[in-house]
């Protein structure tokens, strides 16, 4: 079982917690609000799937966009 000290040395886990997950949550929240406000004629499940897709795409883009060793750069 991994604990927090084991994950500190791994760039992938730290980058996911620092950048990818917050960006995905922010994009998901904004997408859900915009779809519920402006596109109420779209079925709820379709809005949900669109929101999940936006979260997935933004997570993938942010994973590759941000550098792996952000803390080590000066």
PDB file of N, CA and C in Angstrom:
ATOM      1  N   UNK A   1       0.838  -1.170   0.000  1.00  0.00           N
ATOM      2  CA  UNK A   1       0.000   0.000   0.000  1.00  0.00           C
ATOM      3  C   UNK A   1       0.891   1.244   0.000  1.00  0.00           C
ATOM      4  N   UNK A   2       0.551   2.203  -0.842  1.00  0.00           N
ATOM      5  CA  UNK A   2       1.330   3.429  -0.933  1.00  0.00           C
ATOM      6  C   UNK A   2       0.832   4.447   0.078  1.00  0.00           C
ATOM      7  N   UNK A   3       1.760   5.155   0.670  1.00  0.00           N
ATOM      8  CA  UNK A   3       1.366   6.256   1.536  1.00  0.00           C
ATOM      9  C   UNK A   3       1.841   7.567   0.918  1.00  0.00           C
ATOM     10  N   UNK A   4       1.581   8.663   1.575  1.00  0.00           N
ATOM     11  CA  UNK A   4       1.881   9.985   1.027  1.00  0.00           C
ATOM     12  C   UNK A   4       3.372  10.183   0.794  1.00  0.00           C
ATOM     13  N   UNK A   5       4.236   9.644   1.664  1.00  0.00           N
ATOM     14  CA  UNK A   5       5.678   9.817   1.506  1.00  0.00           C
ATOM     15  C   UNK A   5       6.197   9.078   0.279  1.00  0.00           C
ATOM     16  N   UNK A   6       5.594   7.946  -0.054  1.00  0.00           N
ATOM     17  CA  UNK A   6       5.990   7.225  -1.260  1.00  0.00           C
ATOM     18  C   UNK A   6       5.598   7.985  -2.517  1.00  0.00           C
ATOM     19  N   UNK A   7       4.499   8.721  -2.468  1.00  0.00           N
ATOM     20  CA  UNK A   7       4.016   9.435  -3.644  1.00  0.00           C
ATOM     21  C   UNK A   7       4.745  10.748  -3.878  1.00  0.00           C
ATOM     22  N   UNK A   8       5.436  11.270  -2.893  1.00  0.00           N
ATOM     23  CA  UNK A   8       6.098  12.556  -3.058  1.00  0.00           C
ATOM     24  C   UNK A   8       7.203  12.503  -4.099  1.00  0.00           C
ATOM     25  N   UNK A   9       7.864  11.404  -4.257  1.00  0.00           N
ATOM     26  CA  UNK A   9       8.930  11.293  -5.222  1.00  0.00           C
ATOM     27  C   UNK A   9       8.445  11.037  -6.636  1.00  0.00           C
ATOM     28  N   UNK A  10       7.212  10.702  -6.794  1.00  0.00           N
ATOM     29  CA  UNK A  10       6.673  10.361  -8.101  1.00  0.00           C
ATOM     30  C   UNK A  10       6.040  11.600  -8.726  1.00  0.00           C
ATOM     31  N   UNK A  11       6.593  12.021  -9.873  1.00  0.00           N
ATOM     32  CA  UNK A  11       6.116  13.228 -10.544  1.00  0.00           C
ATOM     33  C   UNK A  11       4.715  13.098 -11.093  1.00  0.00           C
ATOM     34  N   UNK A  12       4.340  11.895 -11.489  1.00  0.00           N
ATOM     35  CA  UNK A  12       3.031  11.700 -12.100  1.00  0.00           C
ATOM     36  C   UNK A  12       1.925  11.931 -11.073  1.00  0.00           C
ATOM     37  N   UNK A  13       2.067  11.356  -9.888  1.00  0.00           N
ATOM     38  CA  UNK A  13       1.027  11.499  -8.877  1.00  0.00           C
ATOM     39  C   UNK A  13       0.929  12.941  -8.392  1.00  0.00           C
ATOM     40  N   UNK A  14       2.053  13.582  -8.196  1.00  0.00           N
ATOM     41  CA  UNK A  14       2.025  14.966  -7.717  1.00  0.00           C
ATOM     42  C   UNK A  14       1.439  15.894  -8.768  1.00  0.00           C
ATOM     43  N   UNK A  15       1.779  15.654 -10.034  1.00  0.00           N
ATOM     44  CA  UNK A  15       1.238  16.504 -11.079  1.00  0.00           C
ATOM     45  C   UNK A  15      -0.267  16.308 -11.194  1.00  0.00           C
ATOM     46  N   UNK A  16      -0.718  15.095 -11.000  1.00  0.00           N
ATOM     47  CA  UNK A  16      -2.152  14.847 -11.071  1.00  0.00           C
ATOM     48  C   UNK A  16      -2.885  15.576  -9.954  1.00  0.00           C
ATOM     49  N   UNK A  17      -2.319  15.560  -8.765  1.00  0.00           N
ATOM     50  CA  UNK A  17      -2.984  16.230  -7.658  1.00  0.00           C
ATOM     51  C   UNK A  17      -2.874  17.742  -7.758  1.00  0.00           C
ATOM     52  N   UNK A  18      -1.792  18.252  -8.293  1.00  0.00           N
ATOM     53  CA  UNK A  18      -1.597  19.698  -8.349  1.00  0.00           C
ATOM     54  C   UNK A  18      -2.367  20.354  -9.479  1.00  0.00           C
ATOM     55  N   UNK A  19      -2.395  19.748 -10.654  1.00  0.00           N
ATOM     56  CA  UNK A  19      -2.930  20.429 -11.825  1.00  0.00           C
ATOM     57  C   UNK A  19      -4.125  19.737 -12.461  1.00  0.00           C
ATOM     58  N   UNK A  20      -4.010  18.461 -12.736  1.00  0.00           N
ATOM     59  CA  UNK A  20      -4.989  17.782 -13.578  1.00  0.00           C
ATOM     60  C   UNK A  20      -6.353  17.708 -12.909  1.00  0.00           C
ATOM     61  N   UNK A  21      -6.409  17.233 -11.690  1.00  0.00           N
ATOM     62  CA  UNK A  21      -7.695  17.051 -11.021  1.00  0.00           C
ATOM     63  C   UNK A  21      -8.416  18.380 -10.768  1.00  0.00           C
ATOM     64  N   UNK A  22      -7.736  19.431 -10.265  1.00  0.00           N
ATOM     65  CA  UNK A  22      -8.455  20.701 -10.107  1.00  0.00           C
ATOM     66  C   UNK A  22      -8.954  21.291 -11.419  1.00  0.00           C
ATOM     67  N   UNK A  23      -8.182  21.143 -12.490  1.00  0.00           N
ATOM     68  CA  UNK A  23      -8.627  21.659 -13.786  1.00  0.00           C
ATOM     69  C   UNK A  23      -9.835  20.875 -14.278  1.00  0.00           C
ATOM     70  N   UNK A  24      -9.813  19.566 -14.096  1.00  0.00           N
ATOM     71  CA  UNK A  24     -10.955  18.757 -14.510  1.00  0.00           C
ATOM     72  C   UNK A  24     -12.219  19.132 -13.741  1.00  0.00           C
ATOM     73  N   UNK A  25     -12.081  19.355 -12.450  1.00  0.00           N
ATOM     74  CA  UNK A  25     -13.250  19.738 -11.650  1.00  0.00           C
ATOM     75  C   UNK A  25     -13.770  21.118 -12.031  1.00  0.00           C
ATOM     76  N   UNK A  26     -12.863  22.040 -12.287  1.00  0.00           N
ATOM     77  CA  UNK A  26     -13.272  23.381 -12.699  1.00  0.00           C
ATOM     78  C   UNK A  26     -13.988  23.349 -14.040  1.00  0.00           C
ATOM     79  N   UNK A  27     -13.436  22.640 -14.999  1.00  0.00           N
ATOM     80  CA  UNK A  27     -14.065  22.536 -16.319  1.00  0.00           C
ATOM     81  C   UNK A  27     -15.416  21.830 -16.212  1.00  0.00           C
ATOM     82  N   UNK A  28     -15.488  20.782 -15.415  1.00  0.00           N
ATOM     83  CA  UNK A  28     -16.752  20.081 -15.244  1.00  0.00           C
ATOM     84  C   UNK A  28     -17.830  20.954 -14.626  1.00  0.00           C
ATOM     85  N   UNK A  29     -17.452  21.724 -13.623  1.00  0.00           N
ATOM     86  CA  UNK A  29     -18.427  22.620 -12.990  1.00  0.00           C
ATOM     87  C   UNK A  29     -18.913  23.709 -13.928  1.00  0.00           C
ATOM     88  N   UNK A  30     -17.995  24.315 -14.655  1.00  0.00           N
ATOM     89  CA  UNK A  30     -18.374  25.380 -15.590  1.00  0.00           C
ATOM     90  C   UNK A  30     -19.221  24.814 -16.726  1.00  0.00           C
ATOM     91  N   UNK A  31     -18.833  23.646 -17.239  1.00  0.00           N
ATOM     92  CA  UNK A  31     -19.603  23.037 -18.325  1.00  0.00           C
ATOM     93  C   UNK A  31     -21.018  22.695 -17.867  1.00  0.00           C
ATOM     94  N   UNK A  32     -21.146  22.155 -16.665  1.00  0.00           N
ATOM     95  CA  UNK A  32     -22.471  21.778 -16.164  1.00  0.00           C
ATOM     96  C   UNK A  32     -23.356  23.003 -15.978  1.00  0.00           C
ATOM     97  N   UNK A  33     -22.790  24.072 -15.423  1.00  0.00           N
ATOM     98  CA  UNK A  33     -23.568  25.293 -15.221  1.00  0.00           C
ATOM     99  C   UNK A  33     -23.988  25.897 -16.555  1.00  0.00           C
ATOM    100  N   UNK A  34     -23.054  25.963 -17.511  1.00  0.00           N
ATOM    101  CA  UNK A  34     -23.386  26.547 -18.814  1.00  0.00           C
ATOM    102  C   UNK A  34     -24.438  25.719 -19.550  1.00  0.00           C
ATOM    103  N   UNK A  35     -24.296  24.403 -19.505  1.00  0.00           N
ATOM    104  CA  UNK A  35     -25.272  23.558 -20.191  1.00  0.00           C
ATOM    105  C   UNK A  35     -26.646  23.638 -19.534  1.00  0.00           C
ATOM    106  N   UNK A  36     -26.694  23.711 -18.224  1.00  0.00           N
ATOM    107  CA  UNK A  36     -27.988  23.809 -17.541  1.00  0.00           C
ATOM    108  C   UNK A  36     -28.629  25.170 -17.716  1.00  0.00           C
ATOM    109  N   UNK A  37     -27.817  26.199 -17.905  1.00  0.00           N
ATOM    110  CA  UNK A  37     -28.359  27.545 -18.048  1.00  0.00           C
ATOM    111  C   UNK A  37     -28.822  27.836 -19.473  1.00  0.00           C
ATOM    112  N   UNK A  38     -28.012  27.484 -20.457  1.00  0.00           N
ATOM    113  CA  UNK A  38     -28.273  27.900 -21.831  1.00  0.00           C
ATOM    114  C   UNK A  38     -28.887  26.821 -22.713  1.00  0.00           C
ATOM    115  N   UNK A  39     -28.733  25.561 -22.366  1.00  0.00           N
ATOM    116  CA  UNK A  39     -29.179  24.468 -23.227  1.00  0.00           C
ATOM    117  C   UNK A  39     -30.095  23.512 -22.472  1.00  0.00           C
ATOM    118  N   UNK A  40     -31.196  24.037 -21.976  1.00  0.00           N
ATOM    119  CA  UNK A  40     -32.120  23.208 -21.211  1.00  0.00           C
ATOM    120  C   UNK A  40     -32.909  22.257 -22.093  1.00  0.00           C
ATOM    121  N   UNK A  41     -32.933  22.503 -23.416  1.00  0.00           N
ATOM    122  CA  UNK A  41     -33.664  21.615 -24.312  1.00  0.00           C
ATOM    123  C   UNK A  41     -32.888  20.322 -24.602  1.00  0.00           C
ATOM    124  N   UNK A  42     -31.597  20.278 -24.267  1.00  0.00           N
ATOM    125  CA  UNK A  42     -30.791  19.064 -24.421  1.00  0.00           C
ATOM    126  C   UNK A  42     -31.118  18.136 -23.247  1.00  0.00           C
ATOM    127  N   UNK A  43     -31.322  16.848 -23.510  1.00  0.00           N
ATOM    128  CA  UNK A  43     -31.644  15.921 -22.404  1.00  0.00           C
ATOM    129  C   UNK A  43     -30.544  15.902 -21.336  1.00  0.00           C
ATOM    130  N   UNK A  44     -30.946  15.603 -20.111  1.00  0.00           N
ATOM    131  CA  UNK A  44     -30.043  15.660 -18.965  1.00  0.00           C
ATOM    132  C   UNK A  44     -28.878  14.687 -19.126  1.00  0.00           C
ATOM    133  N   UNK A  45     -29.145  13.483 -19.598  1.00  0.00           N
ATOM    134  CA  UNK A  45     -28.064  12.506 -19.754  1.00  0.00           C
ATOM    135  C   UNK A  45     -27.068  12.947 -20.820  1.00  0.00           C
ATOM    136  N   UNK A  46     -27.537  13.606 -21.867  1.00  0.00           N
ATOM    137  CA  UNK A  46     -26.624  14.117 -22.888  1.00  0.00           C
ATOM    138  C   UNK A  46     -25.754  15.230 -22.311  1.00  0.00           C
ATOM    139  N   UNK A  47     -26.353  16.098 -21.501  1.00  0.00           N
ATOM    140  CA  UNK A  47     -25.557  17.145 -20.836  1.00  0.00           C
ATOM    141  C   UNK A  47     -24.521  16.534 -19.910  1.00  0.00           C
ATOM    142  N   UNK A  48     -24.897  15.466 -19.229  1.00  0.00           N
ATOM    143  CA  UNK A  48     -23.970  14.781 -18.334  1.00  0.00           C
ATOM    144  C   UNK A  48     -22.799  14.185 -19.114  1.00  0.00           C
ATOM    145  N   UNK A  49     -23.091  13.533 -20.232  1.00  0.00           N
ATOM    146  CA  UNK A  49     -22.030  12.937 -21.050  1.00  0.00           C
ATOM    147  C   UNK A  49     -21.144  14.007 -21.679  1.00  0.00           C
ATOM    148  N   UNK A  50     -21.710  15.116 -22.083  1.00  0.00           N
ATOM    149  CA  UNK A  50     -20.912  16.224 -22.625  1.00  0.00           C
ATOM    150  C   UNK A  50     -19.979  16.762 -21.546  1.00  0.00           C
ATOM    151  N   UNK A  51     -20.484  16.889 -20.329  1.00  0.00           N
ATOM    152  CA  UNK A  51     -19.666  17.367 -19.216  1.00  0.00           C
ATOM    153  C   UNK A  51     -18.538  16.389 -18.904  1.00  0.00           C
ATOM    154  N   UNK A  52     -18.839  15.098 -18.883  1.00  0.00           N
ATOM    155  CA  UNK A  52     -17.788  14.097 -18.652  1.00  0.00           C
ATOM    156  C   UNK A  52     -16.737  14.128 -19.749  1.00  0.00           C
ATOM    157  N   UNK A  53     -17.162  14.306 -20.986  1.00  0.00           N
ATOM    158  CA  UNK A  53     -16.219  14.402 -22.093  1.00  0.00           C
ATOM    159  C   UNK A  53     -15.326  15.626 -21.981  1.00  0.00           C
ATOM    160  N   UNK A  54     -15.915  16.755 -21.599  1.00  0.00           N
ATOM    161  CA  UNK A  54     -15.125  17.974 -21.416  1.00  0.00           C
ATOM    162  C   UNK A  54     -14.111  17.805 -20.292  1.00  0.00           C
ATOM    163  N   UNK A  55     -14.521  17.133 -19.221  1.00  0.00           N
ATOM    164  CA  UNK A  55     -13.593  16.889 -18.117  1.00  0.00           C
ATOM    165  C   UNK A  55     -12.449  15.977 -18.552  1.00  0.00           C
ATOM    166  N   UNK A  56     -12.761  14.950 -19.306  1.00  0.00           N
ATOM    167  CA  UNK A  56     -11.730  14.024 -19.764  1.00  0.00           C
ATOM    168  C   UNK A  56     -10.739  14.688 -20.709  1.00  0.00           C
ATOM    169  N   UNK A  57     -11.248  15.441 -21.673  1.00  0.00           N
ATOM    170  CA  UNK A  57     -10.363  16.118 -22.628  1.00  0.00           C
ATOM    171  C   UNK A  57      -9.497  17.151 -21.926  1.00  0.00           C
ATOM    172  N   UNK A  58     -10.080  17.914 -21.021  1.00  0.00           N
ATOM    173  CA  UNK A  58      -9.282  18.925 -20.317  1.00  0.00           C
ATOM    174  C   UNK A  58      -8.236  18.277 -19.418  1.00  0.00           C
ATOM    175  N   UNK A  59      -8.553  17.132 -18.825  1.00  0.00           N
ATOM    176  CA  UNK A  59      -7.571  16.422 -18.004  1.00  0.00           C
ATOM    177  C   UNK A  59      -6.410  15.903 -18.826  1.00  0.00           C
ATOM    178  N   UNK A  60      -6.697  15.359 -19.992  1.00  0.00           N
ATOM    179  CA  UNK A  60      -5.632  14.855 -20.862  1.00  0.00           C
ATOM    180  C   UNK A  60      -4.753  15.995 -21.364  1.00  0.00           C
ATOM    181  N   UNK A  61      -5.376  17.077 -21.780  1.00  0.00           N
ATOM    182  CA  UNK A  61      -4.604  18.226 -22.269  1.00  0.00           C
ATOM    183  C   UNK A  61      -3.751  18.811 -21.161  1.00  0.00           C
ATOM    184  N   UNK A  62      -4.317  18.983 -19.972  1.00  0.00           N
ATOM    185  CA  UNK A  62      -3.537  19.573 -18.885  1.00  0.00           C
ATOM    186  C   UNK A  62      -2.429  18.644 -18.407  1.00  0.00           C
ATOM    187  N   UNK A  63      -2.624  17.336 -18.519  1.00  0.00           N
ATOM    188  CA  UNK A  63      -1.582  16.386 -18.124  1.00  0.00           C
ATOM    189  C   UNK A  63      -0.343  16.557 -18.999  1.00  0.00           C
ATOM    190  N   UNK A  64      -0.549  16.721 -20.293  1.00  0.00           N
ATOM    191  CA  UNK A  64       0.584  16.876 -21.196  1.00  0.00           C
ATOM    192  C   UNK A  64       1.072  18.313 -21.295  1.00  0.00           C
ATOM    193  N   UNK A  65       0.239  19.278 -20.944  1.00  0.00           N
ATOM    194  CA  UNK A  65       0.618  20.682 -21.057  1.00  0.00           C
ATOM    195  C   UNK A  65       1.575  21.122 -19.952  1.00  0.00           C
ATOM    196  N   UNK A  66       1.313  20.711 -18.719  1.00  0.00           N
ATOM    197  CA  UNK A  66       2.144  21.136 -17.605  1.00  0.00           C
ATOM    198  C   UNK A  66       3.382  20.259 -17.503  1.00  0.00           C
ATOM    199  N   UNK A  67       4.535  20.848 -17.182  1.00  0.00           N
ATOM    200  CA  UNK A  67       5.782  20.077 -17.115  1.00  0.00           C
ATOM    201  C   UNK A  67       5.774  19.078 -15.952  1.00  0.00           C
ATOM    202  N   UNK A  68       6.554  18.013 -16.099  1.00  0.00           N
ATOM    203  CA  UNK A  68       6.594  16.969 -15.073  1.00  0.00           C
ATOM    204  C   UNK A  68       7.291  17.429 -13.816  1.00  0.00           C
ATOM    205  N   UNK A  69       8.372  18.166 -13.963  1.00  0.00           N
ATOM    206  CA  UNK A  69       9.163  18.576 -12.805  1.00  0.00           C
ATOM    207  C   UNK A  69       9.058  20.086 -12.606  1.00  0.00           C
ATOM    208  N   UNK A  70       7.871  20.522 -12.269  1.00  0.00           N
ATOM    209  CA  UNK A  70       7.614  21.958 -12.067  1.00  0.00           C
ATOM    210  C   UNK A  70       8.409  22.516 -10.899  1.00  0.00           C
ATOM    211  N   UNK A  71       8.531  21.758  -9.821  1.00  0.00           N
ATOM    212  CA  UNK A  71       9.218  22.253  -8.629  1.00  0.00           C
ATOM    213  C   UNK A  71      10.740  22.339  -8.793  1.00  0.00           C
ATOM    214  N   UNK A  72      11.300  21.563  -9.689  1.00  0.00           N
ATOM    215  CA  UNK A  72      12.739  21.534  -9.851  1.00  0.00           C
ATOM    216  C   UNK A  72      13.264  22.628 -10.775  1.00  0.00           C
ATOM    217  N   UNK A  73      12.402  23.225 -11.585  1.00  0.00           N
ATOM    218  CA  UNK A  73      12.836  24.275 -12.507  1.00  0.00           C
ATOM    219  C   UNK A  73      13.087  25.574 -11.763  1.00  0.00           C
ATOM    220  N   UNK A  74      14.079  26.320 -12.221  1.00  0.00           N
ATOM    221  CA  UNK A  74      14.378  27.615 -11.584  1.00  0.00           C
ATOM    222  C   UNK A  74      14.492  28.692 -12.604  1.00  0.00           C
TER     223      UNK A  74
END
